[in-house]
Amino acid sequence: MNMVNQNKVTWKGWLSLLGLIILFSGVFKDSDGVLKAFDFANLTGNFGEIYEGINFVGKGGTGAKEGLLFTLTLIPTVCLAVGLIDVVESMGAMDAAAKLFNPLLKPLLGIPGIAGISFVASFTSSDIGSFMTKELVEDGHMTDDERTIYVAYQYAGSAVVLNTINTQAPLLPISLLAIGPIILIEIVCKILGANLVRLIIRIKNRKERGVKHEPIS
């Protein structure tokens, strides 16, 4: 993680980071024409229909077999995300993310700034956010404690923007607030929950250090 922060960020790194943030943010999700190409969901596309809106997953499936087919639908999304991340990483986007997001994510959640891209992606996609978190841990950019805190943030209200908007039809008639304030409240609760886990981990680590320093009688 320290090595990432020490690398010099070039204009290619900043430009590739901006492009990736735009792709994962969903800003151009409902745009027309060429702008649709700047949205990750539109790039992922859709499976063709076999019959009356039903694709290869079918209708009315249950159990492990339905779970297997649903898993297959995630493969194109993950493959595309891996390819995009590998390309922008070679251009220095991860170094740029570390510099840009570190002042925000360190005090807010206690996680490194290099998680900034997955932080943005987690607003609209739980799959991409979780995959990128796994990669950060395996590459040594995030500790187990930081992962625990970050997972607590991601898991509660997963893909908060996309899922809230997609469920607004049954939600809005019983809600006194518009969709914007609802999303804001959800994000605040996600941050509070993650910091509660952060506090628990800090207390646990202090207790463990205290036990280790106790003299053996």
C-alpha atoms as a PDB file:
ATOM      1  CA  MET A   1       0.000   0.000   0.000  1.00  0.00           C
ATOM      2  CA  ASN A   2       2.836   2.383   0.819  1.00  0.00           C
ATOM      3  CA  MET A   3       4.477   1.584  -2.498  1.00  0.00           C
ATOM      4  CA  VAL A   4       1.314   2.610  -4.316  1.00  0.00           C
ATOM      5  CA  ASN A   5       1.183   5.966  -2.539  1.00  0.00           C
ATOM      6  CA  GLN A   6       4.823   6.683  -3.377  1.00  0.00           C
ATOM      7  CA  ASN A   7       4.422   6.204  -7.137  1.00  0.00           C
ATOM      8  CA  LYS A   8       4.281   9.309  -9.263  1.00  0.00           C
ATOM      9  CA  VAL A   9       0.909   9.761 -10.949  1.00  0.00           C
ATOM     10  CA  THR A  10       0.955  10.857 -14.592  1.00  0.00           C
ATOM     11  CA  TRP A  11      -1.825  12.462 -16.593  1.00  0.00           C
ATOM     12  CA  LYS A  12      -2.631   8.998 -17.983  1.00  0.00           C
ATOM     13  CA  GLY A  13      -3.304   7.768 -14.474  1.00  0.00           C
ATOM     14  CA  TRP A  14      -5.670  10.634 -13.663  1.00  0.00           C
ATOM     15  CA  LEU A  15      -7.453  10.336 -17.014  1.00  0.00           C
ATOM     16  CA  SER A  16      -7.904   6.573 -16.721  1.00  0.00           C
ATOM     17  CA  LEU A  17      -9.161   6.975 -13.144  1.00  0.00           C
ATOM     18  CA  LEU A  18     -11.708   9.572 -14.271  1.00  0.00           C
ATOM     19  CA  GLY A  19     -12.860   7.285 -17.065  1.00  0.00           C
ATOM     20  CA  LEU A  20     -13.286   4.323 -14.724  1.00  0.00           C
ATOM     21  CA  ILE A  21     -15.184   6.380 -12.163  1.00  0.00           C
ATOM     22  CA  ILE A  22     -17.561   7.594 -14.877  1.00  0.00           C
ATOM     23  CA  LEU A  23     -18.071   4.021 -16.113  1.00  0.00           C
ATOM     24  CA  PHE A  24     -18.878   2.626 -12.676  1.00  0.00           C
ATOM     25  CA  SER A  25     -20.838   5.611 -11.379  1.00  0.00           C
ATOM     26  CA  GLY A  26     -23.852   5.096 -13.641  1.00  0.00           C
ATOM     27  CA  VAL A  27     -23.937   8.779 -14.651  1.00  0.00           C
ATOM     28  CA  PHE A  28     -24.685   7.932 -18.287  1.00  0.00           C
ATOM     29  CA  LYS A  29     -26.882   4.890 -17.622  1.00  0.00           C
ATOM     30  CA  ASP A  30     -30.013   6.459 -19.123  1.00  0.00           C
ATOM     31  CA  SER A  31     -28.238   8.537 -21.756  1.00  0.00           C
ATOM     32  CA  ASP A  32     -28.824   8.227 -25.486  1.00  0.00           C
ATOM     33  CA  GLY A  33     -26.420   7.801 -28.355  1.00  0.00           C
ATOM     34  CA  VAL A  34     -22.665   7.674 -27.877  1.00  0.00           C
ATOM     35  CA  LEU A  35     -22.807   8.585 -24.172  1.00  0.00           C
ATOM     36  CA  LYS A  36     -24.314   5.170 -23.385  1.00  0.00           C
ATOM     37  CA  ALA A  37     -20.895   3.686 -24.120  1.00  0.00           C
ATOM     38  CA  PHE A  38     -19.555   5.433 -21.005  1.00  0.00           C
ATOM     39  CA  ASP A  39     -21.718   3.357 -18.672  1.00  0.00           C
ATOM     40  CA  PHE A  40     -20.578  -0.038 -17.401  1.00  0.00           C
ATOM     41  CA  ALA A  41     -24.072  -1.560 -17.331  1.00  0.00           C
ATOM     42  CA  ASN A  42     -24.662  -0.612 -20.956  1.00  0.00           C
ATOM     43  CA  LEU A  43     -21.291  -2.044 -21.953  1.00  0.00           C
ATOM     44  CA  THR A  44     -22.151  -5.276 -20.172  1.00  0.00           C
ATOM     45  CA  GLY A  45     -25.325  -5.505 -22.247  1.00  0.00           C
ATOM     46  CA  ASN A  46     -28.108  -8.079 -22.026  1.00  0.00           C
ATOM     47  CA  PHE A  47     -28.623 -11.681 -23.009  1.00  0.00           C
ATOM     48  CA  GLY A  48     -30.878 -12.344 -25.974  1.00  0.00           C
ATOM     49  CA  GLU A  49     -34.424 -13.500 -25.432  1.00  0.00           C
ATOM     50  CA  ILE A  50     -35.396 -17.091 -26.161  1.00  0.00           C
ATOM     51  CA  TYR A  51     -39.133 -16.619 -25.793  1.00  0.00           C
ATOM     52  CA  GLU A  52     -41.283 -13.684 -24.635  1.00  0.00           C
ATOM     53  CA  GLY A  53     -38.678 -11.958 -22.504  1.00  0.00           C
ATOM     54  CA  ILE A  54     -37.158 -15.175 -21.119  1.00  0.00           C
ATOM     55  CA  ASN A  55     -33.424 -15.762 -21.596  1.00  0.00           C
ATOM     56  CA  PHE A  56     -31.362 -18.928 -21.061  1.00  0.00           C
ATOM     57  CA  VAL A  57     -31.895 -18.764 -17.279  1.00  0.00           C
ATOM     58  CA  GLY A  58     -35.519 -19.676 -17.898  1.00  0.00           C
ATOM     59  CA  LYS A  59     -38.477 -19.145 -15.606  1.00  0.00           C
ATOM     60  CA  GLY A  60     -39.531 -20.803 -12.356  1.00  0.00           C
ATOM     61  CA  GLY A  61     -36.221 -22.463 -11.545  1.00  0.00           C
ATOM     62  CA  THR A  62     -35.330 -23.440  -7.990  1.00  0.00           C
ATOM     63  CA  GLY A  63     -32.467 -24.656  -5.850  1.00  0.00           C
ATOM     64  CA  ALA A  64     -28.836 -25.149  -6.839  1.00  0.00           C
ATOM     65  CA  LYS A  65     -29.634 -25.413 -10.551  1.00  0.00           C
ATOM     66  CA  GLU A  66     -31.186 -21.959 -10.644  1.00  0.00           C
ATOM     67  CA  GLY A  67     -28.255 -20.653  -8.591  1.00  0.00           C
ATOM     68  CA  LEU A  68     -25.810 -22.090 -11.127  1.00  0.00           C
ATOM     69  CA  LEU A  69     -27.519 -20.395 -14.057  1.00  0.00           C
ATOM     70  CA  PHE A  70     -27.674 -17.094 -12.172  1.00  0.00           C
ATOM     71  CA  THR A  71     -23.933 -17.396 -11.486  1.00  0.00           C
ATOM     72  CA  LEU A  72     -23.307 -17.796 -15.200  1.00  0.00           C
ATOM     73  CA  THR A  73     -24.995 -14.437 -15.804  1.00  0.00           C
ATOM     74  CA  LEU A  74     -22.353 -12.770 -13.601  1.00  0.00           C
ATOM     75  CA  ILE A  75     -19.384 -14.067 -15.618  1.00  0.00           C
ATOM     76  CA  PRO A  76     -19.535 -11.438 -18.426  1.00  0.00           C
ATOM     77  CA  THR A  77     -19.840  -8.631 -15.872  1.00  0.00           C
ATOM     78  CA  VAL A  78     -16.864  -9.801 -13.843  1.00  0.00           C
ATOM     79  CA  CYS A  79     -14.750 -10.543 -16.932  1.00  0.00           C
ATOM     80  CA  LEU A  80     -15.384  -7.074 -18.371  1.00  0.00           C
ATOM     81  CA  ALA A  81     -14.613  -5.434 -15.021  1.00  0.00           C
ATOM     82  CA  VAL A  82     -11.352  -7.399 -14.657  1.00  0.00           C
ATOM     83  CA  GLY A  83     -10.263  -6.380 -18.140  1.00  0.00           C
ATOM     84  CA  LEU A  84     -11.046  -2.703 -17.566  1.00  0.00           C
ATOM     85  CA  ILE A  85      -9.316  -2.658 -14.184  1.00  0.00           C
ATOM     86  CA  ASP A  86      -6.189  -4.354 -15.549  1.00  0.00           C
ATOM     87  CA  VAL A  87      -5.982  -1.797 -18.375  1.00  0.00           C
ATOM     88  CA  VAL A  88      -6.397   1.280 -16.187  1.00  0.00           C
ATOM     89  CA  GLU A  89      -4.102  -0.164 -13.525  1.00  0.00           C
ATOM     90  CA  SER A  90      -1.305  -0.395 -16.094  1.00  0.00           C
ATOM     91  CA  MET A  91      -1.913   3.297 -16.847  1.00  0.00           C
ATOM     92  CA  GLY A  92      -1.573   4.306 -13.184  1.00  0.00           C
ATOM     93  CA  ALA A  93      -5.248   4.647 -12.200  1.00  0.00           C
ATOM     94  CA  MET A  94      -4.771   2.798  -8.913  1.00  0.00           C
ATOM     95  CA  ASP A  95      -1.955   5.168  -7.903  1.00  0.00           C
ATOM     96  CA  ALA A  96      -4.217   8.110  -8.738  1.00  0.00           C
ATOM     97  CA  ALA A  97      -7.062   6.572  -6.720  1.00  0.00           C
ATOM     98  CA  ALA A  98      -4.778   6.174  -3.707  1.00  0.00           C
ATOM     99  CA  LYS A  99      -3.850   9.867  -3.796  1.00  0.00           C
ATOM    100  CA  LEU A 100      -7.356  11.130  -4.537  1.00  0.00           C
ATOM    101  CA  PHE A 101      -9.420   9.032  -2.134  1.00  0.00           C
ATOM    102  CA  ASN A 102      -6.997   8.586   0.772  1.00  0.00           C
ATOM    103  CA  PRO A 103      -7.963  11.931   2.441  1.00  0.00           C
ATOM    104  CA  LEU A 104     -11.617  10.856   2.218  1.00  0.00           C
ATOM    105  CA  LEU A 105     -11.646   7.139   2.953  1.00  0.00           C
ATOM    106  CA  LYS A 106      -9.031   7.085   5.722  1.00  0.00           C
ATOM    107  CA  PRO A 107     -10.943   9.309   8.150  1.00  0.00           C
ATOM    108  CA  LEU A 108     -14.381   8.203   6.913  1.00  0.00           C
ATOM    109  CA  LEU A 109     -13.944   4.420   7.023  1.00  0.00           C
ATOM    110  CA  GLY A 110     -10.343   3.770   7.980  1.00  0.00           C
ATOM    111  CA  ILE A 111      -9.522   2.113   4.644  1.00  0.00           C
ATOM    112  CA  PRO A 112      -6.823   3.046   2.090  1.00  0.00           C
ATOM    113  CA  GLY A 113      -7.531   5.430  -0.761  1.00  0.00           C
ATOM    114  CA  ILE A 114      -6.711   2.765  -3.335  1.00  0.00           C
ATOM    115  CA  ALA A 115     -10.147   1.321  -2.533  1.00  0.00           C
ATOM    116  CA  GLY A 116     -11.694   4.455  -4.036  1.00  0.00           C
ATOM    117  CA  ILE A 117     -12.600   2.845  -7.366  1.00  0.00           C
ATOM    118  CA  SER A 118     -14.413  -0.036  -5.678  1.00  0.00           C
ATOM    119  CA  PHE A 119     -16.032   2.508  -3.344  1.00  0.00           C
ATOM    120  CA  VAL A 120     -17.564   4.280  -6.340  1.00  0.00           C
ATOM    121  CA  ALA A 121     -18.460   0.986  -8.033  1.00  0.00           C
ATOM    122  CA  SER A 122     -20.252  -0.267  -4.918  1.00  0.00           C
ATOM    123  CA  PHE A 123     -22.929   2.430  -5.332  1.00  0.00           C
ATOM    124  CA  THR A 124     -24.315   0.675  -8.399  1.00  0.00           C
ATOM    125  CA  SER A 125     -22.859  -2.856  -8.320  1.00  0.00           C
ATOM    126  CA  SER A 126     -22.341  -5.161  -5.369  1.00  0.00           C
ATOM    127  CA  ASP A 127     -20.564  -7.716  -7.579  1.00  0.00           C
ATOM    128  CA  ILE A 128     -17.854  -5.369  -8.854  1.00  0.00           C
ATOM    129  CA  GLY A 129     -17.321  -3.793  -5.441  1.00  0.00           C
ATOM    130  CA  SER A 130     -16.851  -7.170  -3.756  1.00  0.00           C
ATOM    131  CA  PHE A 131     -14.576  -8.474  -6.516  1.00  0.00           C
ATOM    132  CA  MET A 132     -12.317  -5.423  -6.359  1.00  0.00           C
ATOM    133  CA  THR A 133     -12.145  -5.674  -2.555  1.00  0.00           C
ATOM    134  CA  LYS A 134     -10.971  -9.277  -2.887  1.00  0.00           C
ATOM    135  CA  GLU A 135      -8.288  -8.181  -5.357  1.00  0.00           C
ATOM    136  CA  LEU A 136      -7.074  -5.406  -3.037  1.00  0.00           C
ATOM    137  CA  VAL A 137      -6.637  -7.859  -0.162  1.00  0.00           C
ATOM    138  CA  GLU A 138      -4.859 -10.446  -2.306  1.00  0.00           C
ATOM    139  CA  ASP A 139      -2.502  -7.777  -3.695  1.00  0.00           C
ATOM    140  CA  GLY A 140      -1.619  -6.609  -0.175  1.00  0.00           C
ATOM    141  CA  HIS A 141      -3.247  -3.179  -0.444  1.00  0.00           C
ATOM    142  CA  MET A 142      -5.759  -3.863   2.334  1.00  0.00           C
ATOM    143  CA  THR A 143      -5.444  -5.651   5.677  1.00  0.00           C
ATOM    144  CA  ASP A 144      -7.936  -8.152   7.091  1.00  0.00           C
ATOM    145  CA  ASP A 145      -9.255  -5.567   9.541  1.00  0.00           C
ATOM    146  CA  GLU A 146      -9.706  -2.985   6.777  1.00  0.00           C
ATOM    147  CA  ARG A 147     -11.512  -5.569   4.662  1.00  0.00           C
ATOM    148  CA  THR A 148     -13.867  -6.377   7.543  1.00  0.00           C
ATOM    149  CA  ILE A 149     -14.747  -2.703   7.950  1.00  0.00           C
ATOM    150  CA  TYR A 150     -15.183  -2.213   4.226  1.00  0.00           C
ATOM    151  CA  VAL A 151     -17.346  -5.315   3.831  1.00  0.00           C
ATOM    152  CA  ALA A 152     -19.566  -4.045   6.661  1.00  0.00           C
ATOM    153  CA  TYR A 153     -20.035  -0.846   4.636  1.00  0.00           C
ATOM    154  CA  GLN A 154     -20.715  -2.638   1.350  1.00  0.00           C
ATOM    155  CA  TYR A 155     -23.011  -5.372   2.648  1.00  0.00           C
ATOM    156  CA  ALA A 156     -25.565  -3.095   4.296  1.00  0.00           C
ATOM    157  CA  GLY A 157     -27.724  -1.531   1.589  1.00  0.00           C
ATOM    158  CA  SER A 158     -25.722  -3.236  -1.142  1.00  0.00           C
ATOM    159  CA  ALA A 159     -25.503  -1.282  -4.431  1.00  0.00           C
ATOM    160  CA  VAL A 160     -27.427   1.428  -2.630  1.00  0.00           C
ATOM    161  CA  VAL A 161     -28.135   3.777  -5.538  1.00  0.00           C
ATOM    162  CA  LEU A 162     -29.140   1.173  -8.122  1.00  0.00           C
ATOM    163  CA  ASN A 163     -31.218  -1.010  -5.816  1.00  0.00           C
ATOM    164  CA  THR A 164     -33.042   1.921  -4.224  1.00  0.00           C
ATOM    165  CA  ILE A 165     -33.949   3.380  -7.602  1.00  0.00           C
ATOM    166  CA  ASN A 166     -35.058  -0.024  -8.921  1.00  0.00           C
ATOM    167  CA  THR A 167     -37.329  -0.562  -5.907  1.00  0.00           C
ATOM    168  CA  GLN A 168     -38.735   2.970  -5.735  1.00  0.00           C
ATOM    169  CA  ALA A 169     -42.127   1.952  -7.190  1.00  0.00           C
ATOM    170  CA  PRO A 170     -43.263   0.024  -4.077  1.00  0.00           C
ATOM    171  CA  LEU A 171     -41.155   2.186  -1.755  1.00  0.00           C
ATOM    172  CA  LEU A 172     -42.290   5.715  -2.582  1.00  0.00           C
ATOM    173  CA  PRO A 173     -46.034   5.300  -1.822  1.00  0.00           C
ATOM    174  CA  ILE A 174     -45.239   4.488   1.830  1.00  0.00           C
ATOM    175  CA  SER A 175     -42.360   6.952   2.184  1.00  0.00           C
ATOM    176  CA  LEU A 176     -42.596  10.585   3.246  1.00  0.00           C
ATOM    177  CA  LEU A 177     -39.267  11.388   1.546  1.00  0.00           C
ATOM    178  CA  ALA A 178     -38.141  11.668  -2.053  1.00  0.00           C
ATOM    179  CA  ILE A 179     -35.679   9.161  -3.513  1.00  0.00           C
ATOM    180  CA  GLY A 180     -32.652  11.455  -3.020  1.00  0.00           C
ATOM    181  CA  PRO A 181     -32.973  11.869   0.772  1.00  0.00           C
ATOM    182  CA  ILE A 182     -33.688   8.147   1.097  1.00  0.00           C
ATOM    183  CA  ILE A 183     -30.401   7.273  -0.623  1.00  0.00           C
ATOM    184  CA  LEU A 184     -28.558   9.828   1.528  1.00  0.00           C
ATOM    185  CA  ILE A 185     -29.975   8.320   4.733  1.00  0.00           C
ATOM    186  CA  GLU A 186     -28.979   4.837   3.572  1.00  0.00           C
ATOM    187  CA  ILE A 187     -25.415   5.960   2.861  1.00  0.00           C
ATOM    188  CA  VAL A 188     -25.130   7.630   6.270  1.00  0.00           C
ATOM    189  CA  CYS A 189     -26.378   4.438   7.949  1.00  0.00           C
ATOM    190  CA  LYS A 190     -23.887   2.378   5.949  1.00  0.00           C
ATOM    191  CA  ILE A 191     -21.043   4.613   7.144  1.00  0.00           C
ATOM    192  CA  LEU A 192     -22.268   4.489  10.753  1.00  0.00           C
ATOM    193  CA  GLY A 193     -22.476   0.698  10.622  1.00  0.00           C
ATOM    194  CA  ALA A 194     -18.977   0.374   9.183  1.00  0.00           C
ATOM    195  CA  ASN A 195     -17.568   2.654  11.881  1.00  0.00           C
ATOM    196  CA  LEU A 196     -19.309   0.608  14.561  1.00  0.00           C
ATOM    197  CA  VAL A 197     -17.459  -2.443  13.235  1.00  0.00           C
ATOM    198  CA  ARG A 198     -14.297  -0.305  13.101  1.00  0.00           C
ATOM    199  CA  LEU A 199     -14.716   0.552  16.778  1.00  0.00           C
ATOM    200  CA  ILE A 200     -15.306  -3.082  17.733  1.00  0.00           C
ATOM    201  CA  ILE A 201     -12.155  -4.153  15.880  1.00  0.00           C
ATOM    202  CA  ARG A 202     -10.117  -1.407  17.536  1.00  0.00           C
ATOM    203  CA  ILE A 203     -11.294  -2.451  21.024  1.00  0.00           C
ATOM    204  CA  LYS A 204     -10.608  -6.116  20.211  1.00  0.00           C
ATOM    205  CA  ASN A 205      -7.074  -5.333  18.995  1.00  0.00           C
ATOM    206  CA  ARG A 206      -6.317  -3.289  22.110  1.00  0.00           C
ATOM    207  CA  LYS A 207      -7.460  -6.134  24.347  1.00  0.00           C
ATOM    208  CA  GLU A 208      -5.331  -8.618  22.407  1.00  0.00           C
ATOM    209  CA  ARG A 209      -2.271  -6.367  22.683  1.00  0.00           C
ATOM    210  CA  GLY A 210      -2.908  -6.032  26.427  1.00  0.00           C
ATOM    211  CA  VAL A 211      -3.026  -9.793  26.854  1.00  0.00           C
ATOM    212  CA  LYS A 212       0.215 -10.233  24.927  1.00  0.00           C
ATOM    213  CA  HIS A 213       2.026  -7.677  27.085  1.00  0.00           C
ATOM    214  CA  GLU A 214       0.928  -9.232  30.384  1.00  0.00           C
ATOM    215  CA  PRO A 215       3.881 -10.783  32.262  1.00  0.00           C
ATOM    216  CA  ILE A 216       3.856 -14.550  32.594  1.00  0.00           C
ATOM    217  CA  SER A 217       3.590 -15.483  36.258  1.00  0.00           C
END
